[in-house]
Amino acid sequence: MYPKSQLYNFLYVADSRLGSLHSEESKLLMSINSKGKNVGNVPINKGKKLSELERMKLISGMKHRFKSIYLYDDMNNLVANYESFNAACVSEKCSKSTLRISLTKGILFRGFKVSYYYPCLFVF
């Protein structure tokens, strides 16, 4: 067996740094390059209070994620109204993929038409 200093690939596991140590100058370089960056799992805004204006901006930016879901019978009468996609899935006890398919492809969901649109804007 040759000493580690004479071998080309002296690492124990190929494609891994397992068993090797960084030199002091490479540690210093990594430290300098990571200053001022959030390299951990701690959120940048942890412990800070948002102003009312900032909160409203965040809420308005997320409103597209909470569209109402409407269920209609075959005569286009409103049967059920859910405040969000997830609320519809929970109330109807169905998977998200089932409801998504009926929304995108226009397939009947348990005999009902599913839409994001309120009746006055609703066309099949």
Protein backbone atom coordinates (compact mmCIF):
# COMPACT_ATOMS: atom_id res chain seq x y z
CA MET A 1 0.00 0.00 0.00
CA TYR A 2 1.33 3.43 -0.93
CA PRO A 3 1.15 6.45 1.36
CA LYS A 4 -1.70 8.89 0.65
CA SER A 5 0.69 11.60 -0.56
CA GLN A 6 1.88 9.41 -3.46
CA LEU A 7 -1.53 8.33 -4.79
CA TYR A 8 -3.43 10.28 -7.42
CA ASN A 9 -6.89 9.69 -5.96
CA PHE A 10 -6.34 9.44 -2.24
CA LEU A 11 -10.01 9.75 -1.27
CA TYR A 12 -11.71 6.71 0.20
CA VAL A 13 -14.92 7.12 -1.80
CA ALA A 14 -14.80 8.15 -5.46
CA ASP A 15 -16.58 11.45 -6.29
CA SER A 16 -16.69 12.33 -2.61
CA ARG A 17 -14.68 14.55 -0.29
CA LEU A 18 -15.10 11.97 2.45
CA GLY A 19 -11.80 11.61 4.29
CA SER A 20 -10.21 14.84 3.10
CA LEU A 21 -9.78 18.12 4.95
CA HIS A 22 -9.77 21.67 3.65
CA SER A 23 -6.57 23.64 4.04
CA GLU A 24 -6.56 26.71 6.25
CA GLU A 25 -6.36 29.09 3.28
CA SER A 26 -9.31 27.40 1.53
CA LYS A 27 -11.33 27.65 4.77
CA LEU A 28 -10.47 31.36 4.95
CA LEU A 29 -11.52 31.85 1.30
CA MET A 30 -14.86 30.09 1.88
CA SER A 31 -15.44 32.21 4.97
CA ILE A 32 -14.75 35.45 3.09
CA ASN A 33 -17.00 34.44 0.18
CA SER A 34 -19.92 33.56 2.43
CA LYS A 35 -19.92 36.75 4.51
CA GLY A 36 -23.22 38.60 4.30
CA LYS A 37 -25.02 35.65 2.71
CA ASN A 38 -27.67 33.54 4.35
CA VAL A 39 -26.04 30.11 4.06
CA GLY A 40 -28.00 28.49 6.89
CA ASN A 41 -31.63 27.54 7.23
CA VAL A 42 -32.53 30.64 9.23
CA PRO A 43 -34.96 32.93 7.38
CA ILE A 44 -33.58 36.38 6.62
CA ASN A 45 -36.59 38.15 8.13
CA LYS A 46 -36.77 36.07 11.35
CA GLY A 47 -37.84 38.20 14.30
CA LYS A 48 -38.77 41.24 12.19
CA LYS A 49 -42.28 42.67 12.20
CA LEU A 50 -43.83 43.56 8.84
CA SER A 51 -45.60 46.85 8.42
CA GLU A 52 -49.25 46.87 7.39
CA LEU A 53 -48.33 47.94 3.85
CA GLU A 54 -45.83 45.07 3.49
CA ARG A 55 -48.41 42.59 4.78
CA MET A 56 -50.99 43.80 2.28
CA LYS A 57 -48.45 43.46 -0.56
CA LEU A 58 -47.74 39.87 0.45
CA ILE A 59 -51.43 39.01 0.73
CA SER A 60 -52.32 40.60 -2.61
CA GLY A 61 -49.45 38.71 -4.25
CA MET A 62 -50.86 35.39 -3.07
CA LYS A 63 -54.52 35.93 -3.97
CA HIS A 64 -54.17 34.15 -7.32
CA ARG A 65 -53.45 30.96 -5.37
CA PHE A 66 -56.86 31.05 -3.67
CA LYS A 67 -59.42 31.00 -6.46
CA SER A 68 -62.94 29.98 -5.62
CA ILE A 69 -64.20 26.68 -7.02
CA TYR A 70 -67.81 26.38 -8.19
CA LEU A 71 -69.78 23.16 -8.80
CA TYR A 72 -72.74 23.25 -11.21
CA ASP A 73 -75.40 20.71 -12.09
CA ASP A 74 -76.41 19.89 -15.70
CA MET A 75 -78.76 22.92 -15.82
CA ASN A 76 -75.92 25.29 -14.81
CA ASN A 77 -77.38 25.83 -11.34
CA LEU A 78 -74.80 26.53 -8.65
CA VAL A 79 -74.60 23.53 -6.32
CA ALA A 80 -71.54 24.28 -4.18
CA ASN A 81 -69.01 27.05 -3.72
CA TYR A 82 -65.58 26.48 -2.13
CA GLU A 83 -63.14 29.21 -1.19
CA SER A 84 -60.09 27.39 -2.56
CA PHE A 85 -58.95 24.34 -4.48
CA ASN A 86 -57.75 22.62 -1.31
CA ALA A 87 -61.01 23.34 0.50
CA ALA A 88 -62.93 21.74 -2.39
CA CYS A 89 -60.73 18.64 -2.25
CA VAL A 90 -61.16 18.27 1.49
CA SER A 91 -64.93 18.83 1.43
CA GLU A 92 -65.52 16.52 -1.54
CA LYS A 93 -63.06 13.92 -0.16
CA CYS A 94 -61.22 13.53 -3.46
CA SER A 95 -57.64 13.70 -4.63
CA LYS A 96 -56.24 16.90 -6.06
CA SER A 97 -55.40 15.23 -9.35
CA THR A 98 -59.03 14.15 -9.85
CA LEU A 99 -60.36 17.64 -9.30
CA ARG A 100 -57.59 19.22 -11.40
CA ILE A 101 -58.38 16.93 -14.35
CA SER A 102 -62.08 17.80 -14.20
CA LEU A 103 -61.18 21.51 -14.07
CA THR A 104 -58.72 21.52 -16.98
CA LYS A 105 -60.37 19.02 -19.32
CA GLY A 106 -64.00 19.86 -18.59
CA ILE A 107 -64.80 16.30 -17.47
CA LEU A 108 -67.75 15.88 -15.13
CA PHE A 109 -66.82 15.45 -11.49
CA ARG A 110 -69.34 13.10 -9.81
CA GLY A 111 -72.00 14.37 -12.20
CA PHE A 112 -71.17 18.06 -11.67
CA LYS A 113 -69.37 20.61 -13.82
CA VAL A 114 -66.42 22.24 -12.06
CA SER A 115 -65.22 25.76 -12.80
CA TYR A 116 -63.33 28.73 -11.42
CA TYR A 117 -66.00 31.05 -12.85
CA TYR A 118 -69.14 32.41 -11.24
CA PRO A 119 -72.43 31.65 -13.09
CA CYS A 120 -72.72 34.95 -14.94
CA LEU A 121 -69.30 34.35 -16.57
CA PHE A 122 -69.83 30.62 -16.95
CA VAL A 123 -70.00 29.03 -20.43
CA PHE A 124 -69.63 25.35 -21.37
